[in-house]
Amino acid sequence: MNKKKLTFEEFQIVVSNLLGIEKSEIKKESIIYQDIGIDSLGLVNLGTKIQKIYKISISPASMIEVLTIGEFYNAIKTLVEEKTEIG
């Protein structure tokens, strides 16, 4: 059984590509609604796309509770790393 590790740099690249913004704008301390410039619906949409990429399940309610990119990354990282791949 393998567990996938999700680095912050990988997460930055995915979010950068999905939102069409520079990777350098995506920092752990970035406040999602102010610094990144997306609203709660945008965050839920982003989360939906990330779910498909990593084949994980995130509740929309838990997504809108995060304030920073770092908090969002940690939540996604935990879900990705808890998912066990058989192979």
N, C-alpha and C. Protein backbone atom coordinates (compact mmCIF):
# COMPACT_ATOMS: atom_id res chain seq x y z
N MET A 1 0.84 -1.19 0.00
CA MET A 1 0.00 0.00 0.00
C MET A 1 0.88 1.25 0.00
N ASN A 2 0.56 2.17 -0.86
CA ASN A 2 1.30 3.42 -0.94
C ASN A 2 0.44 4.57 -0.46
N LYS A 3 1.07 5.49 0.19
CA LYS A 3 0.38 6.72 0.56
C LYS A 3 1.01 7.86 -0.22
N LYS A 4 0.17 8.65 -0.84
CA LYS A 4 0.65 9.78 -1.64
C LYS A 4 0.99 10.93 -0.72
N LYS A 5 2.11 11.58 -0.99
CA LYS A 5 2.49 12.78 -0.27
C LYS A 5 2.17 13.97 -1.15
N LEU A 6 1.56 14.97 -0.60
CA LEU A 6 1.21 16.18 -1.33
C LEU A 6 2.07 17.32 -0.80
N THR A 7 2.96 17.82 -1.63
CA THR A 7 3.81 18.93 -1.22
C THR A 7 3.06 20.25 -1.46
N PHE A 8 3.48 21.28 -0.74
CA PHE A 8 2.86 22.58 -0.95
C PHE A 8 3.14 23.10 -2.35
N GLU A 9 4.32 22.82 -2.87
CA GLU A 9 4.65 23.27 -4.23
C GLU A 9 3.72 22.63 -5.26
N GLU A 10 3.45 21.35 -5.12
CA GLU A 10 2.50 20.68 -6.02
C GLU A 10 1.12 21.31 -5.90
N PHE A 11 0.71 21.58 -4.67
CA PHE A 11 -0.59 22.20 -4.44
C PHE A 11 -0.64 23.59 -5.07
N GLN A 12 0.45 24.36 -4.93
CA GLN A 12 0.54 25.69 -5.55
C GLN A 12 0.33 25.61 -7.06
N ILE A 13 0.99 24.66 -7.69
CA ILE A 13 0.90 24.51 -9.14
C ILE A 13 -0.53 24.18 -9.55
N VAL A 14 -1.16 23.25 -8.84
CA VAL A 14 -2.54 22.87 -9.16
C VAL A 14 -3.47 24.07 -9.01
N VAL A 15 -3.38 24.77 -7.89
CA VAL A 15 -4.25 25.92 -7.65
C VAL A 15 -3.97 27.03 -8.66
N SER A 16 -2.71 27.25 -8.96
CA SER A 16 -2.32 28.25 -9.95
C SER A 16 -2.95 27.95 -11.30
N ASN A 17 -2.86 26.71 -11.72
CA ASN A 17 -3.44 26.31 -13.01
C ASN A 17 -4.96 26.41 -13.01
N LEU A 18 -5.58 26.00 -11.93
CA LEU A 18 -7.04 26.03 -11.87
C LEU A 18 -7.60 27.45 -11.81
N LEU A 19 -6.89 28.34 -11.12
CA LEU A 19 -7.38 29.72 -10.97
C LEU A 19 -6.82 30.68 -12.01
N GLY A 20 -5.78 30.25 -12.73
CA GLY A 20 -5.17 31.12 -13.72
C GLY A 20 -4.41 32.29 -13.11
N ILE A 21 -3.78 32.04 -11.96
CA ILE A 21 -2.95 33.07 -11.32
C ILE A 21 -1.53 32.55 -11.16
N GLU A 22 -0.61 33.45 -10.92
CA GLU A 22 0.79 33.08 -10.76
C GLU A 22 1.00 32.24 -9.50
N LYS A 23 1.85 31.24 -9.62
CA LYS A 23 2.19 30.38 -8.48
C LYS A 23 2.71 31.20 -7.31
N SER A 24 3.47 32.26 -7.61
CA SER A 24 4.07 33.10 -6.57
C SER A 24 3.02 33.83 -5.72
N GLU A 25 1.80 33.96 -6.23
CA GLU A 25 0.72 34.62 -5.49
C GLU A 25 0.10 33.70 -4.45
N ILE A 26 0.41 32.42 -4.53
CA ILE A 26 -0.22 31.42 -3.67
C ILE A 26 0.76 31.07 -2.56
N LYS A 27 0.55 31.66 -1.40
CA LYS A 27 1.41 31.45 -0.23
C LYS A 27 0.56 30.87 0.90
N LYS A 28 1.20 30.16 1.80
CA LYS A 28 0.45 29.55 2.91
C LYS A 28 -0.31 30.59 3.71
N GLU A 29 0.26 31.78 3.86
CA GLU A 29 -0.40 32.82 4.67
C GLU A 29 -1.41 33.65 3.88
N SER A 30 -1.53 33.39 2.58
CA SER A 30 -2.49 34.15 1.76
C SER A 30 -3.92 33.92 2.23
N ILE A 31 -4.63 35.01 2.46
CA ILE A 31 -6.04 34.91 2.85
C ILE A 31 -6.84 34.70 1.57
N ILE A 32 -7.58 33.62 1.53
CA ILE A 32 -8.25 33.19 0.30
C ILE A 32 -9.13 34.28 -0.28
N TYR A 33 -9.99 34.86 0.53
CA TYR A 33 -10.99 35.80 0.01
C TYR A 33 -10.39 37.16 -0.33
N GLN A 34 -9.32 37.56 0.36
CA GLN A 34 -8.73 38.87 0.10
C GLN A 34 -7.53 38.78 -0.84
N ASP A 35 -6.56 37.95 -0.50
CA ASP A 35 -5.31 37.90 -1.27
C ASP A 35 -5.45 37.14 -2.60
N ILE A 36 -6.23 36.08 -2.58
CA ILE A 36 -6.41 35.27 -3.80
C ILE A 36 -7.57 35.82 -4.63
N GLY A 37 -8.53 36.43 -3.97
CA GLY A 37 -9.61 37.10 -4.68
C GLY A 37 -10.74 36.21 -5.15
N ILE A 38 -10.95 35.10 -4.45
CA ILE A 38 -12.12 34.29 -4.79
C ILE A 38 -13.09 34.32 -3.62
N ASP A 39 -14.36 34.12 -3.93
CA ASP A 39 -15.38 34.11 -2.89
C ASP A 39 -15.65 32.68 -2.44
N SER A 40 -16.63 32.50 -1.55
CA SER A 40 -16.90 31.16 -1.02
C SER A 40 -17.36 30.20 -2.11
N LEU A 41 -18.14 30.68 -3.07
CA LEU A 41 -18.56 29.82 -4.18
C LEU A 41 -17.35 29.42 -5.03
N GLY A 42 -16.46 30.37 -5.27
CA GLY A 42 -15.24 30.07 -6.01
C GLY A 42 -14.38 29.05 -5.30
N LEU A 43 -14.34 29.12 -3.98
CA LEU A 43 -13.57 28.16 -3.20
C LEU A 43 -14.19 26.77 -3.30
N VAL A 44 -15.51 26.71 -3.23
CA VAL A 44 -16.20 25.42 -3.37
C VAL A 44 -15.93 24.84 -4.77
N ASN A 45 -15.98 25.68 -5.80
CA ASN A 45 -15.68 25.22 -7.16
C ASN A 45 -14.25 24.72 -7.28
N LEU A 46 -13.32 25.44 -6.66
CA LEU A 46 -11.93 25.02 -6.64
C LEU A 46 -11.81 23.67 -5.94
N GLY A 47 -12.47 23.54 -4.81
CA GLY A 47 -12.45 22.28 -4.06
C GLY A 47 -13.00 21.12 -4.86
N THR A 48 -14.05 21.38 -5.64
CA THR A 48 -14.65 20.34 -6.48
C THR A 48 -13.65 19.86 -7.53
N LYS A 49 -12.93 20.79 -8.12
CA LYS A 49 -11.92 20.43 -9.12
C LYS A 49 -10.77 19.66 -8.48
N ILE A 50 -10.37 20.07 -7.28
CA ILE A 50 -9.29 19.38 -6.57
C ILE A 50 -9.72 17.97 -6.18
N GLN A 51 -10.99 17.81 -5.81
CA GLN A 51 -11.50 16.47 -5.49
C GLN A 51 -11.33 15.53 -6.67
N LYS A 52 -11.62 16.02 -7.86
CA LYS A 52 -11.51 15.18 -9.06
C LYS A 52 -10.05 14.84 -9.35
N ILE A 53 -9.16 15.79 -9.16
CA ILE A 53 -7.74 15.56 -9.44
C ILE A 53 -7.17 14.49 -8.50
N TYR A 54 -7.47 14.62 -7.21
CA TYR A 54 -6.88 13.73 -6.21
C TYR A 54 -7.78 12.58 -5.79
N LYS A 55 -8.98 12.53 -6.37
CA LYS A 55 -9.94 11.46 -6.06
C LYS A 55 -10.20 11.35 -4.56
N ILE A 56 -10.56 12.51 -3.98
CA ILE A 56 -10.89 12.60 -2.57
C ILE A 56 -12.28 13.21 -2.44
N SER A 57 -12.81 13.22 -1.24
CA SER A 57 -14.12 13.81 -0.98
C SER A 57 -14.00 14.88 0.10
N ILE A 58 -14.48 16.07 -0.24
CA ILE A 58 -14.43 17.20 0.70
C ILE A 58 -15.85 17.75 0.82
N SER A 59 -16.30 17.99 2.03
CA SER A 59 -17.63 18.58 2.18
C SER A 59 -17.56 20.08 1.89
N PRO A 60 -18.53 20.62 1.14
CA PRO A 60 -18.53 22.06 0.86
C PRO A 60 -18.51 22.90 2.13
N ALA A 61 -19.17 22.44 3.18
CA ALA A 61 -19.20 23.18 4.44
C ALA A 61 -17.79 23.33 5.03
N SER A 62 -16.99 22.27 4.95
CA SER A 62 -15.64 22.36 5.51
C SER A 62 -14.74 23.24 4.66
N MET A 63 -15.01 23.32 3.36
CA MET A 63 -14.19 24.17 2.49
C MET A 63 -14.38 25.65 2.81
N ILE A 64 -15.59 26.06 3.09
CA ILE A 64 -15.81 27.49 3.31
C ILE A 64 -15.38 27.94 4.70
N GLU A 65 -14.97 26.99 5.55
CA GLU A 65 -14.48 27.34 6.88
C GLU A 65 -13.01 27.76 6.87
N VAL A 66 -12.26 27.40 5.83
CA VAL A 66 -10.84 27.74 5.79
C VAL A 66 -10.66 29.20 5.42
N LEU A 67 -9.66 29.83 6.00
CA LEU A 67 -9.41 31.25 5.74
C LEU A 67 -8.16 31.48 4.89
N THR A 68 -7.15 30.64 5.07
CA THR A 68 -5.89 30.84 4.36
C THR A 68 -5.61 29.68 3.42
N ILE A 69 -4.73 29.93 2.47
CA ILE A 69 -4.29 28.87 1.56
C ILE A 69 -3.64 27.75 2.36
N GLY A 70 -2.89 28.09 3.40
CA GLY A 70 -2.24 27.08 4.23
C GLY A 70 -3.25 26.14 4.89
N GLU A 71 -4.34 26.70 5.40
CA GLU A 71 -5.38 25.87 6.02
C GLU A 71 -6.03 24.96 4.97
N PHE A 72 -6.27 25.51 3.78
CA PHE A 72 -6.88 24.73 2.70
C PHE A 72 -5.93 23.61 2.27
N TYR A 73 -4.64 23.95 2.12
CA TYR A 73 -3.63 22.95 1.76
C TYR A 73 -3.57 21.84 2.81
N ASN A 74 -3.54 22.19 4.09
CA ASN A 74 -3.46 21.18 5.14
C ASN A 74 -4.66 20.24 5.12
N ALA A 75 -5.84 20.79 4.86
CA ALA A 75 -7.05 19.96 4.79
C ALA A 75 -6.96 18.99 3.61
N ILE A 76 -6.54 19.49 2.46
CA ILE A 76 -6.42 18.65 1.26
C ILE A 76 -5.30 17.62 1.46
N LYS A 77 -4.18 18.06 2.00
CA LYS A 77 -3.03 17.17 2.24
C LYS A 77 -3.43 16.00 3.14
N THR A 78 -4.16 16.29 4.20
CA THR A 78 -4.60 15.24 5.12
C THR A 78 -5.46 14.21 4.39
N LEU A 79 -6.42 14.71 3.60
CA LEU A 79 -7.30 13.79 2.86
C LEU A 79 -6.53 12.96 1.84
N VAL A 80 -5.60 13.58 1.13
CA VAL A 80 -4.81 12.86 0.13
C VAL A 80 -3.94 11.81 0.80
N GLU A 81 -3.31 12.17 1.90
CA GLU A 81 -2.39 11.24 2.56
C GLU A 81 -3.12 10.14 3.31
N GLU A 82 -4.37 10.37 3.70
CA GLU A 82 -5.15 9.32 4.36
C GLU A 82 -5.67 8.30 3.37
N LYS A 83 -5.78 8.73 2.11
CA LYS A 83 -6.28 7.83 1.08
C LYS A 83 -5.19 6.82 0.76
N THR A 84 -5.50 5.56 0.89
CA THR A 84 -4.54 4.50 0.65
C THR A 84 -4.78 3.92 -0.74
N GLU A 85 -3.70 3.82 -1.49
CA GLU A 85 -3.80 3.24 -2.82
C GLU A 85 -3.34 1.80 -2.75
N ILE A 86 -4.08 0.93 -3.41
CA ILE A 86 -3.71 -0.48 -3.47
C ILE A 86 -2.96 -0.70 -4.77
N GLY A 87 -1.82 -1.32 -4.67
CA GLY A 87 -1.08 -1.53 -5.92
C GLY A 87 0.26 -2.09 -5.74
